[in-house]
Protein backbone atom coordinates (compact mmCIF):
# COMPACT_ATOMS: atom_id res chain seq x y z
CA UNK A 1 -53.46 -15.09 -20.61
CA UNK A 2 -56.15 -17.58 -19.70
CA UNK A 3 -54.61 -18.20 -16.29
CA UNK A 4 -52.56 -15.13 -15.40
CA UNK A 5 -50.26 -15.55 -12.42
CA UNK A 6 -47.71 -12.94 -11.41
CA UNK A 7 -46.16 -11.86 -8.18
CA UNK A 8 -43.08 -11.13 -6.14
CA UNK A 9 -41.23 -13.49 -3.81
CA UNK A 10 -38.53 -11.88 -1.73
CA UNK A 11 -36.84 -9.72 -4.41
CA UNK A 12 -37.74 -11.89 -7.38
CA UNK A 13 -40.47 -11.02 -9.86
CA UNK A 14 -42.31 -14.11 -11.11
CA UNK A 15 -44.35 -13.89 -14.31
CA UNK A 16 -46.00 -16.81 -16.08
CA UNK A 17 -46.67 -16.84 -19.81
CA UNK A 18 -49.01 -18.99 -21.90
CA UNK A 19 -47.66 -22.22 -23.39
CA UNK A 20 -48.31 -21.30 -27.02
CA UNK A 21 -45.53 -19.35 -28.81
CA UNK A 22 -48.01 -16.78 -30.09
CA UNK A 23 -49.57 -16.16 -26.70
CA UNK A 24 -46.20 -16.04 -24.96
CA UNK A 25 -44.87 -13.47 -27.43
CA UNK A 26 -47.94 -11.21 -27.23
CA UNK A 27 -47.98 -11.21 -23.43
CA UNK A 28 -44.25 -10.69 -23.09
CA UNK A 29 -44.28 -7.73 -25.51
CA UNK A 30 -47.10 -6.12 -23.56
CA UNK A 31 -45.01 -5.96 -20.36
CA UNK A 32 -41.44 -5.83 -21.66
CA UNK A 33 -40.96 -2.06 -21.38
CA UNK A 34 -42.30 -1.92 -17.83
CA UNK A 35 -39.94 -4.63 -16.58
CA UNK A 36 -36.91 -2.36 -15.84
CA UNK A 37 -39.07 -0.20 -13.57
CA UNK A 38 -40.54 -3.29 -11.89
CA UNK A 39 -37.11 -4.77 -11.30
CA UNK A 40 -35.87 -1.56 -9.65
CA UNK A 41 -38.87 -1.55 -7.34
CA UNK A 42 -38.40 -5.23 -6.46
CA UNK A 43 -34.72 -4.55 -5.72
CA UNK A 44 -35.70 -1.94 -3.12
CA UNK A 45 -35.81 1.39 -4.95
CA UNK A 46 -37.67 4.08 -3.03
CA UNK A 47 -41.17 3.99 -4.47
CA UNK A 48 -42.11 7.54 -3.51
CA UNK A 49 -39.07 9.01 -5.26
CA UNK A 50 -39.56 6.84 -8.33
CA UNK A 51 -43.15 8.03 -8.76
CA UNK A 52 -42.50 11.67 -8.01
CA UNK A 53 -42.81 12.69 -11.68
CA UNK A 54 -46.08 10.87 -12.15
CA UNK A 55 -47.10 8.03 -14.46
CA UNK A 56 -46.48 10.03 -17.64
CA UNK A 57 -42.85 10.55 -16.70
CA UNK A 58 -42.40 6.85 -15.99
CA UNK A 59 -43.98 5.96 -19.35
CA UNK A 60 -41.67 8.38 -21.14
CA UNK A 61 -38.63 6.93 -19.31
CA UNK A 62 -39.71 3.44 -20.37
CA UNK A 63 -40.07 4.54 -23.99
CA UNK A 64 -43.82 4.06 -24.00
CA UNK A 65 -44.84 7.64 -24.76
CA UNK A 66 -44.16 7.28 -28.50
CA UNK A 67 -46.64 4.39 -28.88
CA UNK A 68 -49.68 5.36 -30.98
CA UNK A 69 -52.77 5.49 -28.81
CA UNK A 70 -54.59 2.92 -30.95
CA UNK A 71 -51.90 0.26 -30.74
CA UNK A 72 -53.03 -1.14 -27.41
CA UNK A 73 -56.62 -1.29 -28.57
CA UNK A 74 -55.68 -2.95 -31.84
CA UNK A 75 -53.82 -5.64 -29.88
CA UNK A 76 -56.79 -6.24 -27.63
CA UNK A 77 -59.13 -6.47 -30.58
CA UNK A 78 -56.91 -8.92 -32.42
CA UNK A 79 -56.47 -11.04 -29.31
CA UNK A 80 -60.20 -11.22 -28.68
CA UNK A 81 -60.89 -11.97 -32.33
CA UNK A 82 -58.37 -14.78 -32.23
CA UNK A 83 -60.19 -16.44 -29.34
CA UNK A 84 -63.49 -16.00 -31.11
CA UNK A 85 -62.04 -17.64 -34.19
CA UNK A 86 -60.85 -20.64 -32.23
CA UNK A 87 -64.22 -20.97 -30.62
CA UNK A 88 -65.98 -21.22 -33.99
CA UNK A 89 -63.23 -22.85 -36.05
CA UNK A 90 -61.12 -25.98 -35.99
CA UNK A 91 -59.91 -25.75 -32.37
CA UNK A 92 -62.03 -26.05 -29.26
CA UNK A 93 -61.36 -23.69 -26.41
CA UNK A 94 -60.30 -25.79 -23.36
CA UNK A 95 -63.03 -25.80 -20.78
CA UNK A 96 -62.96 -27.33 -17.32
CA UNK A 97 -65.96 -29.48 -16.45
CA UNK A 98 -65.64 -28.96 -12.70
CA UNK A 99 -65.59 -25.88 -10.54
CA UNK A 100 -62.72 -25.07 -8.18
CA UNK A 101 -64.97 -26.02 -5.26
CA UNK A 102 -65.27 -29.54 -6.70
CA UNK A 103 -61.52 -30.09 -6.80
CA UNK A 104 -59.66 -31.00 -3.62
CA UNK A 105 -56.50 -29.00 -3.11
CA UNK A 106 -53.73 -29.47 -0.60
CA UNK A 107 -52.80 -27.09 2.17
CA UNK A 108 -50.59 -24.19 1.20
CA UNK A 109 -47.64 -24.66 3.61
CA UNK A 110 -46.75 -20.97 3.36
CA UNK A 111 -50.05 -20.02 5.00
CA UNK A 112 -48.98 -21.55 8.30
CA UNK A 113 -50.77 -23.91 10.69
CA UNK A 114 -53.70 -21.57 11.38
CA UNK A 115 -54.81 -21.75 7.75
CA UNK A 116 -54.48 -25.52 7.26
CA UNK A 117 -57.50 -27.74 6.71
CA UNK A 118 -59.21 -29.05 9.82
CA UNK A 119 -60.30 -32.12 7.87
CA UNK A 120 -58.98 -33.74 4.70
CA UNK A 121 -60.21 -32.22 1.43
CA UNK A 122 -59.84 -35.62 -0.26
CA UNK A 123 -62.89 -37.86 -0.56
CA UNK A 124 -62.64 -41.22 1.17
CA UNK A 125 -62.10 -44.04 -1.32
CA UNK A 126 -62.78 -47.71 -0.84
CA UNK A 127 -59.87 -50.12 -1.33
CA UNK A 128 -61.39 -51.31 -4.61
CA UNK A 129 -61.82 -47.74 -5.84
CA UNK A 130 -58.20 -46.96 -4.92
CA UNK A 131 -56.95 -50.05 -6.75
CA UNK A 132 -58.96 -49.06 -9.83
CA UNK A 133 -57.40 -45.58 -9.85
CA UNK A 134 -53.93 -47.10 -9.51
CA UNK A 135 -54.59 -49.49 -12.39
CA UNK A 136 -55.89 -46.68 -14.63
CA UNK A 137 -52.79 -44.56 -14.03
CA UNK A 138 -50.09 -47.23 -14.12
CA UNK A 139 -48.02 -46.87 -17.32
CA UNK A 140 -48.18 -49.55 -19.98
CA UNK A 141 -45.36 -52.11 -19.84
CA UNK A 142 -42.16 -51.41 -21.79
CA UNK A 143 -40.24 -54.20 -23.49
CA UNK A 144 -36.58 -55.15 -23.82
CA UNK A 145 -34.54 -58.09 -25.04
CA UNK A 146 -32.44 -59.68 -22.34
CA UNK A 147 -30.14 -62.73 -22.22
CA UNK A 148 -31.37 -66.13 -21.13
CA UNK A 149 -29.63 -66.51 -17.78
CA UNK A 150 -30.41 -66.34 -14.07
CA UNK A 151 -31.31 -62.64 -14.27
CA UNK A 152 -34.30 -63.57 -16.42
CA UNK A 153 -36.14 -64.96 -13.38
CA UNK A 154 -39.19 -62.89 -12.48
CA UNK A 155 -39.63 -61.37 -15.96
CA UNK A 156 -42.74 -61.86 -18.06
CA UNK A 157 -42.48 -62.75 -21.74
CA UNK A 158 -43.66 -60.06 -24.15
CA UNK A 159 -44.01 -62.44 -27.11
CA UNK A 160 -44.46 -66.12 -27.90
CA UNK A 161 -41.20 -68.08 -27.98
CA UNK A 162 -40.58 -70.69 -30.69
CA UNK A 163 -38.03 -73.50 -30.57
CA UNK A 164 -35.23 -72.96 -33.09
CA UNK A 165 -34.21 -76.61 -32.88
CA UNK A 166 -35.75 -79.93 -31.82
CA UNK A 167 -35.30 -81.61 -28.46
CA UNK A 168 -33.74 -84.07 -28.51
CA UNK A 169 -31.71 -83.17 -31.55
CA UNK A 170 -30.77 -86.86 -32.09
CA UNK A 171 -32.26 -90.30 -31.39
CA UNK A 172 -31.31 -90.97 -27.76
CA UNK A 173 -31.53 -93.85 -25.33
CA UNK A 174 -33.70 -93.38 -22.24
CA UNK A 175 -32.05 -96.28 -20.33
CA UNK A 176 -28.65 -97.88 -19.76
CA UNK A 177 -28.42 -101.00 -21.90
CA UNK A 178 -27.67 -102.14 -25.44
CA UNK A 179 -28.69 -100.69 -28.79
CA UNK A 180 -30.04 -103.39 -31.09
CA UNK A 181 -31.78 -103.89 -34.41
CA UNK A 182 -35.26 -105.44 -34.33
CA UNK A 183 -38.07 -105.72 -36.84
CA UNK A 184 -40.89 -107.90 -38.10
CA UNK A 185 -38.77 -109.62 -40.75
CA UNK A 186 -35.63 -109.91 -38.62
CA UNK A 187 -34.50 -112.73 -36.36
CA UNK A 188 -35.47 -112.75 -32.68
CA UNK A 189 -33.71 -110.32 -30.38
CA UNK A 190 -33.25 -113.15 -27.89
CA UNK A 191 -29.78 -114.72 -27.94
CA UNK A 192 -26.08 -113.99 -27.62
CA UNK A 193 -24.57 -111.10 -29.59
CA UNK A 194 -21.14 -109.48 -29.95
CA UNK A 195 -20.67 -106.02 -28.41
CA UNK A 196 -19.07 -104.04 -31.24
CA UNK A 197 -19.10 -100.46 -29.92
CA UNK A 198 -19.91 -98.19 -27.01
CA UNK A 199 -22.08 -95.03 -27.08
CA UNK A 200 -21.70 -92.70 -24.14
CA UNK A 201 -23.53 -89.41 -23.55
CA UNK A 202 -20.58 -87.50 -25.05
CA UNK A 203 -20.29 -85.90 -28.51
CA UNK A 204 -18.57 -87.93 -31.22
CA UNK A 205 -19.05 -90.18 -34.21
CA UNK A 206 -20.52 -93.64 -33.68
CA UNK A 207 -20.04 -96.43 -36.19
CA UNK A 208 -23.19 -97.91 -37.77
CA UNK A 209 -24.67 -101.04 -36.22
CA UNK A 210 -25.14 -104.17 -38.34
CA UNK A 211 -27.76 -106.90 -37.98
CA UNK A 212 -26.70 -109.41 -35.32
CA UNK A 213 -24.60 -106.86 -33.41
CA UNK A 214 -25.24 -104.80 -30.25
CA UNK A 215 -23.69 -101.58 -28.88
CA UNK A 216 -23.42 -100.77 -25.22
CA UNK A 217 -25.21 -97.45 -24.58
CA UNK A 218 -25.80 -95.10 -21.63
CA UNK A 219 -28.85 -93.02 -20.78
CA UNK A 220 -29.08 -89.96 -23.02
CA UNK A 221 -26.48 -91.19 -25.49
CA UNK A 222 -27.19 -91.18 -29.25
CA UNK A 223 -28.18 -94.42 -30.92
CA UNK A 224 -25.77 -95.79 -33.52
CA UNK A 225 -27.00 -95.48 -37.10
CA UNK A 226 -29.35 -98.38 -38.06
CA UNK A 227 -30.23 -99.18 -34.40
CA UNK A 228 -33.97 -99.41 -33.77
CA UNK A 229 -34.32 -100.08 -30.04
CA UNK A 230 -32.54 -100.34 -26.71
CA UNK A 231 -32.75 -103.33 -24.39
CA UNK A 232 -32.33 -102.54 -20.68
CA UNK A 233 -29.19 -103.82 -18.99
CA UNK A 234 -31.48 -105.66 -16.55
CA UNK A 235 -32.61 -107.94 -19.43
CA UNK A 236 -29.07 -109.07 -20.28
CA UNK A 237 -26.15 -111.09 -18.90
CA UNK A 238 -22.46 -111.01 -19.86
CA UNK A 239 -21.32 -114.15 -21.67
CA UNK A 240 -17.74 -113.20 -22.64
CA UNK A 241 -15.21 -110.52 -21.86
CA UNK A 242 -12.14 -109.21 -23.64
CA UNK A 243 -8.64 -110.27 -22.71
CA UNK A 244 -7.89 -108.67 -19.35
CA UNK A 245 -11.55 -108.77 -18.38
CA UNK A 246 -12.18 -105.03 -18.61
CA UNK A 247 -14.61 -104.93 -21.54
CA UNK A 248 -17.65 -106.89 -22.59
CA UNK A 249 -17.18 -109.09 -25.62
CA UNK A 250 -20.56 -110.84 -25.82
CA UNK A 251 -23.87 -110.39 -24.00
CA UNK A 252 -26.98 -112.51 -23.96
CA UNK A 253 -30.35 -110.83 -24.38
CA UNK A 254 -32.90 -112.72 -22.29
CA UNK A 255 -36.10 -111.52 -23.96
CA UNK A 256 -37.59 -111.52 -27.45
CA UNK A 257 -40.31 -108.98 -26.62
CA UNK A 258 -38.33 -105.86 -27.51
CA UNK A 259 -40.34 -103.69 -29.93
CA UNK A 260 -39.11 -101.30 -32.57
CA UNK A 261 -38.55 -97.85 -30.99
CA UNK A 262 -38.58 -99.19 -27.43
CA UNK A 263 -36.58 -97.12 -24.92
CA UNK A 264 -35.73 -94.53 -27.59
CA UNK A 265 -36.38 -90.79 -27.56
CA UNK A 266 -36.97 -89.83 -31.17
CA UNK A 267 -35.80 -86.51 -32.66
CA UNK A 268 -38.22 -83.73 -31.58
CA UNK A 269 -40.24 -86.05 -29.35
CA UNK A 270 -39.95 -83.55 -26.48
CA UNK A 271 -39.96 -80.31 -28.49
CA UNK A 272 -40.37 -79.97 -32.25
CA UNK A 273 -38.49 -77.28 -34.20
CA UNK A 274 -40.81 -74.28 -34.69
CA UNK A 275 -43.08 -75.29 -31.83
CA UNK A 276 -44.23 -72.54 -29.42
CA UNK A 277 -42.66 -73.51 -26.12
CA UNK A 278 -43.69 -70.48 -24.02
CA UNK A 279 -46.55 -68.03 -24.52
CA UNK A 280 -46.64 -64.26 -24.23
CA UNK A 281 -47.56 -63.35 -20.65
CA UNK A 282 -45.89 -66.35 -19.03
CA UNK A 283 -43.52 -65.61 -16.16
CA UNK A 284 -40.01 -67.02 -15.85
CA UNK A 285 -40.10 -68.46 -12.33
CA UNK A 286 -37.33 -69.38 -9.92
CA UNK A 287 -38.53 -72.99 -9.98
CA UNK A 288 -36.47 -73.30 -13.14
CA UNK A 289 -38.80 -75.00 -15.62
CA UNK A 290 -39.17 -72.07 -18.00
CA UNK A 291 -35.48 -71.18 -17.92
CA UNK A 292 -34.53 -74.80 -18.53
CA UNK A 293 -36.92 -75.03 -21.48
CA UNK A 294 -35.43 -71.92 -23.10
CA UNK A 295 -31.92 -73.24 -22.56
CA UNK A 296 -32.80 -76.65 -24.03
CA UNK A 297 -33.63 -75.13 -27.43
CA UNK A 298 -30.61 -72.83 -27.48
CA UNK A 299 -32.37 -69.50 -26.95
CA UNK A 300 -29.85 -66.74 -26.39
CA UNK A 301 -32.27 -63.90 -25.54
CA UNK A 302 -36.00 -63.23 -25.30
CA UNK A 303 -38.33 -60.22 -25.39
CA UNK A 304 -39.71 -59.43 -21.93
CA UNK A 305 -41.52 -56.64 -20.13
CA UNK A 306 -39.11 -54.42 -18.24
CA UNK A 307 -39.31 -54.39 -14.48
CA UNK A 308 -39.59 -50.97 -12.87
CA UNK A 309 -36.96 -49.51 -10.58
CA UNK A 310 -38.37 -48.48 -7.21
CA UNK A 311 -37.04 -45.83 -4.82
CA UNK A 312 -37.90 -45.70 -1.11
CA UNK A 313 -37.78 -42.41 0.82
CA UNK A 314 -38.47 -41.78 4.49
CA UNK A 315 -39.63 -38.33 5.59
CA UNK A 316 -39.62 -36.44 8.87
CA UNK A 317 -37.36 -34.34 11.08
CA UNK A 318 -37.73 -36.96 13.81
CA UNK A 319 -36.44 -39.85 11.66
CA UNK A 320 -32.83 -40.97 12.12
CA UNK A 321 -30.83 -43.76 10.52
CA UNK A 322 -31.80 -47.06 12.13
CA UNK A 323 -28.18 -48.05 12.82
CA UNK A 324 -26.98 -44.69 14.11
CA UNK A 325 -24.81 -45.26 17.18
CA UNK A 326 -25.83 -43.89 20.55
CA UNK A 327 -29.09 -43.33 22.35
CA UNK A 328 -32.04 -41.50 20.88
CA UNK A 329 -32.80 -37.95 21.91
CA UNK A 330 -36.32 -37.09 22.97
CA UNK A 331 -38.53 -37.08 19.89
CA UNK A 332 -36.18 -39.06 17.65
CA UNK A 333 -37.40 -42.24 15.95
CA UNK A 334 -35.26 -44.86 14.27
CA UNK A 335 -36.12 -45.41 10.61
CA UNK A 336 -37.81 -48.82 10.43
CA UNK A 337 -39.95 -48.13 7.35
CA UNK A 338 -37.23 -47.68 4.76
CA UNK A 339 -35.33 -50.95 5.34
CA UNK A 340 -38.61 -52.83 5.82
CA UNK A 341 -40.28 -51.56 2.65
CA UNK A 342 -37.05 -51.99 0.67
CA UNK A 343 -36.86 -55.61 1.79
CA UNK A 344 -40.44 -56.18 0.67
CA UNK A 345 -39.78 -54.66 -2.77
CA UNK A 346 -36.66 -56.80 -3.22
CA UNK A 347 -38.68 -59.83 -2.16
CA UNK A 348 -41.13 -59.09 -4.98
CA UNK A 349 -38.19 -59.22 -7.40
CA UNK A 350 -37.73 -55.53 -8.22
CA UNK A 351 -34.61 -53.39 -8.12
CA UNK A 352 -34.80 -50.91 -5.27
CA UNK A 353 -32.89 -47.68 -4.64
CA UNK A 354 -32.36 -46.21 -1.17
CA UNK A 355 -33.42 -42.55 -1.35
CA UNK A 356 -32.53 -41.77 2.25
CA UNK A 357 -34.40 -39.47 4.63
CA UNK A 358 -35.96 -36.12 3.67
CA UNK A 359 -36.53 -33.47 6.31
CA UNK A 360 -39.83 -31.67 6.93
CA UNK A 361 -38.88 -28.74 4.75
CA UNK A 362 -40.75 -28.24 1.51
CA UNK A 363 -37.60 -27.30 -0.41
CA UNK A 364 -35.74 -30.36 0.92
CA UNK A 365 -38.64 -32.67 0.14
CA UNK A 366 -39.14 -31.22 -3.33
CA UNK A 367 -35.45 -31.61 -4.18
CA UNK A 368 -35.40 -35.18 -2.88
CA UNK A 369 -38.36 -36.07 -5.06
CA UNK A 370 -36.93 -34.34 -8.14
CA UNK A 371 -33.63 -36.15 -7.70
CA UNK A 372 -35.48 -39.43 -7.20
CA UNK A 373 -37.45 -39.05 -10.43
CA UNK A 374 -34.18 -39.11 -12.38
CA UNK A 375 -33.16 -42.41 -10.79
CA UNK A 376 -36.33 -44.48 -10.47
CA UNK A 377 -39.71 -45.17 -12.08
CA UNK A 378 -41.75 -45.47 -8.88
CA UNK A 379 -41.25 -43.60 -5.60
CA UNK A 380 -42.48 -44.93 -2.28
CA UNK A 381 -42.49 -42.44 0.59
CA UNK A 382 -43.47 -43.03 4.18
CA UNK A 383 -44.75 -40.37 6.57
CA UNK A 384 -45.93 -36.83 5.95
CA UNK A 385 -49.41 -37.62 4.56
CA UNK A 386 -51.67 -36.87 7.52
CA UNK A 387 -53.15 -33.55 8.67
CA UNK A 388 -50.24 -32.04 10.61
CA UNK A 389 -48.67 -28.71 9.71
CA UNK A 390 -45.45 -30.52 8.72
CA UNK A 391 -47.18 -33.16 6.59
CA UNK A 392 -45.85 -31.71 3.36
CA UNK A 393 -45.94 -34.54 0.83
CA UNK A 394 -49.33 -33.80 -0.68
CA UNK A 395 -48.77 -30.05 -1.14
CA UNK A 396 -45.25 -30.67 -2.45
CA UNK A 397 -46.48 -33.17 -5.04
CA UNK A 398 -49.38 -30.99 -6.10
CA UNK A 399 -48.05 -27.44 -5.80
CA UNK A 400 -44.31 -27.83 -6.40
CA UNK A 401 -44.10 -30.80 -8.78
CA UNK A 402 -47.30 -30.21 -10.72
CA UNK A 403 -48.50 -33.71 -9.91
CA UNK A 404 -52.01 -35.10 -9.69
CA UNK A 405 -53.21 -36.70 -6.48
CA UNK A 406 -55.66 -39.43 -7.48
CA UNK A 407 -56.65 -40.25 -3.94
CA UNK A 408 -55.57 -39.02 -0.53
CA UNK A 409 -57.62 -41.18 1.84
CA UNK A 410 -58.69 -44.82 1.83
CA UNK A 411 -61.36 -46.40 4.00
CA UNK A 412 -59.19 -49.09 5.60
CA UNK A 413 -57.39 -49.96 8.79
CA UNK A 414 -54.45 -49.51 8.95
CA UNK A 415 -53.51 -47.06 6.18
CA UNK A 416 -56.25 -44.43 6.02
CA UNK A 417 -53.98 -41.50 4.84
CA UNK A 418 -52.50 -43.53 1.95
CA UNK A 419 -51.95 -41.28 -1.07
CA UNK A 420 -51.34 -42.09 -4.73
CA UNK A 421 -50.14 -39.52 -7.26
CA UNK A 422 -48.65 -39.21 -10.72
CA UNK A 423 -46.11 -36.57 -11.73
CA UNK A 424 -45.19 -35.61 -15.31
CA UNK A 425 -41.45 -35.85 -15.84
CA UNK A 426 -39.16 -34.99 -18.74
CA UNK A 427 -36.17 -37.29 -19.07
CA UNK A 428 -32.64 -36.20 -19.98
CA UNK A 429 -33.41 -37.19 -23.57
CA UNK A 430 -36.48 -34.94 -23.64
CA UNK A 431 -39.08 -37.70 -23.46
CA UNK A 432 -42.15 -36.97 -21.36
CA UNK A 433 -42.85 -39.78 -18.91
CA UNK A 434 -44.94 -40.29 -15.81
CA UNK A 435 -43.57 -41.09 -12.38
CA UNK A 436 -45.77 -42.80 -9.80
CA UNK A 437 -45.60 -41.75 -6.16
CA UNK A 438 -47.07 -43.90 -3.41
CA UNK A 439 -47.08 -41.84 -0.23
CA UNK A 440 -47.72 -44.27 2.61
CA UNK A 441 -48.45 -43.58 6.28
CA UNK A 442 -45.51 -43.33 8.64
CA UNK A 443 -46.62 -46.02 11.08
CA UNK A 444 -44.69 -49.24 10.29
CA UNK A 445 -47.66 -51.61 10.10
CA UNK A 446 -49.55 -49.16 7.88
CA UNK A 447 -46.57 -48.77 5.54
CA UNK A 448 -46.10 -52.51 5.03
CA UNK A 449 -49.80 -53.33 4.67
CA UNK A 450 -50.37 -50.58 2.11
CA UNK A 451 -47.19 -51.54 0.24
CA UNK A 452 -48.56 -55.02 -0.33
CA UNK A 453 -52.08 -53.84 -1.09
CA UNK A 454 -51.36 -50.93 -3.44
CA UNK A 455 -47.74 -50.79 -4.60
CA UNK A 456 -47.33 -54.46 -5.51
CA UNK A 457 -50.31 -54.62 -7.95
CA UNK A 458 -49.05 -51.53 -9.79
CA UNK A 459 -45.52 -52.91 -10.14
CA UNK A 460 -46.88 -56.22 -11.37
CA UNK A 461 -49.18 -54.56 -13.89
CA UNK A 462 -46.34 -52.44 -15.26
CA UNK A 463 -44.20 -55.53 -15.94
CA UNK A 464 -46.93 -57.71 -17.41
CA UNK A 465 -47.75 -59.99 -14.47
CA UNK A 466 -51.31 -61.34 -14.47
CA UNK A 467 -53.26 -61.56 -12.26
CA UNK A 468 -51.92 -58.76 -10.06
CA UNK A 469 -51.92 -58.48 -6.30
CA UNK A 470 -51.58 -60.91 -3.43
CA UNK A 471 -53.11 -64.38 -3.85
CA UNK A 472 -56.43 -64.72 -2.04
CA UNK A 473 -57.27 -67.80 0.07
CA UNK A 474 -59.94 -68.81 2.59
CA UNK A 475 -58.71 -69.49 6.14
CA UNK A 476 -60.25 -70.68 9.39
CA UNK A 477 -59.77 -68.56 12.51
CA UNK A 478 -57.99 -70.24 15.42
CA UNK A 479 -59.30 -67.56 17.79
CA UNK A 480 -61.94 -64.85 17.65
CA UNK A 481 -60.88 -61.44 16.36
CA UNK A 482 -62.51 -58.03 16.98
CA UNK A 483 -64.01 -56.04 14.10
CA UNK A 484 -63.94 -52.31 13.41
CA UNK A 485 -67.45 -50.90 12.92
CA UNK A 486 -66.34 -48.12 10.54
CA UNK A 487 -63.51 -49.39 8.35
CA UNK A 488 -62.46 -52.72 6.79
CA UNK A 489 -59.37 -54.02 8.54
CA UNK A 490 -56.34 -55.92 7.30
CA UNK A 491 -55.36 -57.98 10.32
CA UNK A 492 -51.84 -59.46 10.36
CA UNK A 493 -51.89 -63.24 10.82
CA UNK A 494 -49.80 -66.39 10.49
CA UNK A 495 -51.42 -68.90 8.14
CA UNK A 496 -50.49 -72.59 8.31
CA UNK A 497 -51.70 -75.64 6.43
CA UNK A 498 -53.09 -78.15 8.95
CA UNK A 499 -53.12 -81.93 8.75
CA UNK A 500 -56.87 -81.64 8.35
CA UNK A 501 -56.35 -80.02 4.93
CA UNK A 502 -57.55 -76.63 6.22
CA UNK A 503 -55.65 -73.33 6.24
CA UNK A 504 -55.58 -71.99 9.81
CA UNK A 505 -55.02 -68.32 10.74
CA UNK A 506 -53.55 -67.14 14.04
CA UNK A 507 -53.32 -63.44 14.92
CA UNK A 508 -49.90 -61.89 15.52
CA UNK A 509 -51.32 -60.00 18.49
CA UNK A 510 -52.04 -56.31 19.00
CA UNK A 511 -52.79 -54.58 15.70
CA UNK A 512 -52.01 -50.95 16.49
CA UNK A 513 -50.61 -49.37 13.31
CA UNK A 514 -47.42 -48.22 15.07
CA UNK A 515 -46.73 -51.72 16.44
CA UNK A 516 -44.02 -53.11 14.17
CA UNK A 517 -44.13 -56.36 16.15
CA UNK A 518 -47.48 -57.17 14.56
CA UNK A 519 -45.56 -57.88 11.34
CA UNK A 520 -43.19 -60.44 12.86
CA UNK A 521 -43.77 -63.85 11.26
CA UNK A 522 -46.93 -62.58 9.55
CA UNK A 523 -47.48 -64.16 6.16
CA UNK A 524 -51.03 -63.02 5.45
CA UNK A 525 -53.62 -60.30 5.95
CA UNK A 526 -57.12 -61.19 7.11
CA UNK A 527 -59.73 -59.25 5.14
CA UNK A 528 -62.13 -58.25 7.92
CA UNK A 529 -65.35 -56.39 7.07
CA UNK A 530 -66.43 -53.11 8.68
CA UNK A 531 -68.89 -54.47 11.19
CA UNK A 532 -69.89 -54.40 14.84
CA UNK A 533 -68.78 -57.25 17.10
CA UNK A 534 -66.34 -60.06 16.50
CA UNK A 535 -65.60 -62.96 14.20
CA UNK A 536 -65.60 -66.16 16.17
CA UNK A 537 -63.18 -69.05 16.41
CA UNK A 538 -63.72 -71.51 13.57
CA UNK A 539 -65.26 -68.95 11.21
CA UNK A 540 -63.96 -68.86 7.65
CA UNK A 541 -62.68 -65.60 6.21
CA UNK A 542 -60.68 -64.47 3.17
CA UNK A 543 -56.99 -63.68 3.58
CA UNK A 544 -54.26 -62.28 1.32
CA UNK A 545 -51.02 -64.26 1.34
CA UNK A 546 -47.94 -62.05 1.68
CA UNK A 547 -45.36 -64.78 2.17
CA UNK A 548 -44.58 -68.48 2.19
CA UNK A 549 -47.37 -70.76 3.37
CA UNK A 550 -46.30 -72.73 6.44
CA UNK A 551 -46.85 -76.48 6.60
CA UNK A 552 -47.61 -78.74 9.56
């Protein structure tokens, strides 16, 4: 066994075996006969009485005394030879390129508070480094065909889309007026003509038009066969009506300057059959243009990148449902993070699942995360990522779920303890997939800021959106703002477009990470550098837009 681990927990014997069938069989056979004795001891058998006859007696009882003395040595020799063979043959022996001292490892919660780290074992990452790690570990987009309807909004096309039919599919009038026949060798269009038919924008057969006749026509209606042009109603007057006065009998056309094809939309003049109308990577927006274009050519479904399902979990013994009746007991905190983060995720256009509140018990947290991985693709947790003895998320992800923590600290304010991890997960169908876990700080401002900075780009990347992340703009400060000398800060502000054509930024007030009020009305984050002093009124600085830009 290259990594032997065995032990006893309570009255349970735990033995790990290698992953290869050959290695598992060899190791299991080597201990199989001793297991009954071990199980008796673990169950509480008196050790002194059990060993009274000595080791030889125990071996005889286990049926090990009849084993030839050389068997054990032959096994060892064969096992060693096998490793030597792999080392020189077609397989390379796995070898770690780092030492255990180089790898950060979480606290072991079972060791108690006196054995926990006094400082984080995770190296501090810059925001850009953290974003790069997230991008590298975000799964590639998956595709699916979905119907062309309102639910398509927010999806990104996974292939070019061609028009199956032209638009318009028939020669159509672009004005209200009269269809006529004009041409170089034909008489002038000016004069009085009989109105022989009517073409409305409704399906149906229209009789052909003959030279010297006109047909009343409405906008969007098909031209009668043989018609070449449409004269606007403004260029005509009625000269005769039918008996009863309800229909036109004759109209006079007042101009002879009507050209062939005037006021006519030809077949395919908007979209030709076979033309690419939308490109791979384009997003179907709520503005409606893309959806309308697909509908105009009769598309029933399109291939898009699937959008991930996101679960949001709050953690902590102190957290209670935000709408729980009654007053809070000392130490209780209403859950503001879960509804706030869920609202943000929905606002980005993703399906979100409420995962509830997990208590500060490793077994409870582990079970909550395992259950969540069967429901969602991405898990967002808040709380439990700092240095306290009950901050169990990192050790649970790493030790219980076998996950990899890619970073556990980020040089930023707010949001320093932000953690990003991936966990291998086998689906009900046996497919091995990866689940992403974003463990965000418990303070409300930190949770929302880090959601927008780190979670959003990953979700966008996984569903094909480009570019990812919040749009970046340059704003002018309405008032001076203090700077942090050690960490870059993401200062919550309200950005408005002024009459002077400049984007102005006004602070939402105190920026303490626990102050949820700093998020009220905020639509942007100022990107402040780590620096001594202040940025003055009127200075220009970059900002990340989180919400709708306000006008004057």
